Protein backbone atom coordinates (compact mmCIF):
# COMPACT_ATOMS: atom_id res chain seq x y z
CA UNK A 1 21.55 -13.15 10.76
CA UNK A 2 19.42 -16.03 11.07
CA UNK A 3 15.84 -15.05 12.27
CA UNK A 4 14.11 -17.55 14.35
CA UNK A 5 10.10 -16.93 14.48
CA UNK A 6 7.14 -18.26 16.39
CA UNK A 7 4.21 -19.74 14.67
CA UNK A 8 2.43 -17.17 12.43
CA UNK A 9 -0.58 -18.02 14.35
CA UNK A 10 0.99 -17.13 17.82
CA UNK A 11 0.23 -14.14 20.12
CA UNK A 12 4.33 -13.67 19.88
CA UNK A 13 4.17 -13.34 16.08
CA UNK A 14 1.15 -10.99 16.53
CA UNK A 15 3.06 -8.78 19.03
CA UNK A 16 6.17 -8.74 16.69
CA UNK A 17 4.03 -7.61 13.77
CA UNK A 18 1.61 -5.33 15.32
CA UNK A 19 3.77 -3.72 18.19
CA UNK A 20 7.24 -3.88 16.96
CA UNK A 21 6.75 -3.57 13.12
CA UNK A 22 3.24 -1.72 13.41
CA UNK A 23 1.69 -3.87 10.41
CA UNK A 24 -0.74 -6.65 10.59
CA UNK A 25 0.75 -10.26 11.15
CA UNK A 26 -0.31 -11.40 7.57
CA UNK A 27 1.57 -8.40 6.02
CA UNK A 28 4.55 -9.12 8.00
CA UNK A 29 4.46 -12.60 6.71
CA UNK A 30 4.06 -11.41 3.27
CA UNK A 31 7.03 -9.16 3.52
CA UNK A 32 9.41 -11.87 4.96
CA UNK A 33 8.41 -14.17 2.10
CA UNK A 34 8.92 -11.44 -0.42
CA UNK A 35 12.49 -10.75 1.16
CA UNK A 36 13.38 -14.38 1.15
CA UNK A 37 12.38 -14.74 -2.60
CA UNK A 38 14.47 -11.70 -3.42
CA UNK A 39 17.53 -13.00 -1.59
CA UNK A 40 17.77 -10.14 0.75
CA UNK A 41 16.82 -12.41 3.95
CA UNK A 42 17.50 -16.04 4.92
CA UNK A 43 14.57 -17.98 5.32
CA UNK A 44 13.31 -17.82 9.14
CA UNK A 45 13.52 -20.78 11.33
CA UNK A 46 10.35 -21.63 13.15
CA UNK A 47 10.26 -22.19 16.85
CA UNK A 48 7.12 -23.60 18.68
CA UNK A 49 8.53 -22.78 21.94
CA UNK A 50 11.09 -20.55 23.85
CA UNK A 51 13.08 -23.27 24.50
CA UNK A 52 13.36 -24.02 20.76
CA UNK A 53 13.79 -20.48 20.01
CA UNK A 54 16.78 -20.36 22.20
CA UNK A 55 18.30 -23.56 21.10
CA UNK A 56 17.92 -22.39 17.58
CA UNK A 57 19.69 -18.86 18.44
CA UNK A 58 22.47 -20.48 20.26
CA UNK A 59 23.40 -22.82 17.44
CA UNK A 60 23.06 -19.99 14.81
CA UNK A 61 25.97 -17.37 15.01
CA UNK A 62 23.85 -14.10 14.86
CA UNK A 63 20.63 -15.83 15.43
CA UNK A 64 17.86 -13.48 16.67
CA UNK A 65 14.42 -14.46 18.08
CA UNK A 66 11.73 -13.35 20.17
CA UNK A 67 11.04 -15.02 23.58
CA UNK A 68 8.95 -14.53 26.69
CA UNK A 69 10.49 -12.26 29.55
CA UNK A 70 10.49 -15.20 31.78
CA UNK A 71 12.68 -17.13 29.00
CA UNK A 72 14.95 -14.25 28.85
CA UNK A 73 15.69 -14.52 32.71
CA UNK A 74 17.62 -17.88 32.03
CA UNK A 75 19.50 -17.71 28.76
CA UNK A 76 22.05 -20.41 27.72
CA UNK A 77 25.65 -19.57 27.54
CA UNK A 78 26.36 -17.36 24.52
CA UNK A 79 22.86 -15.80 24.18
CA UNK A 80 22.10 -12.38 25.15
CA UNK A 81 18.86 -10.29 25.75
CA UNK A 82 18.74 -7.21 23.25
CA UNK A 83 15.93 -5.43 24.88
CA UNK A 84 13.21 -3.98 22.70
CA UNK A 85 10.52 -1.33 24.31
CA UNK A 86 7.26 -2.01 23.01
């Protein structure tokens, strides 16, 4: 799985850390780095916009990212929504 993340200073990363994983953003960053170092996770790609994230997901089989609800309304072919309540 190729994870595509927003910048660590973004509201989207903060939402991911606090609302989905229920940890502070800096702790999520540290955990990701630890898992990459151990070889348990592929280094995430960075996306500075929803369109960058969608393009990265489209070109990486098994790619996953967080995008805004607006961006999820018009997905490129081959990309699907995985809804998350939160």
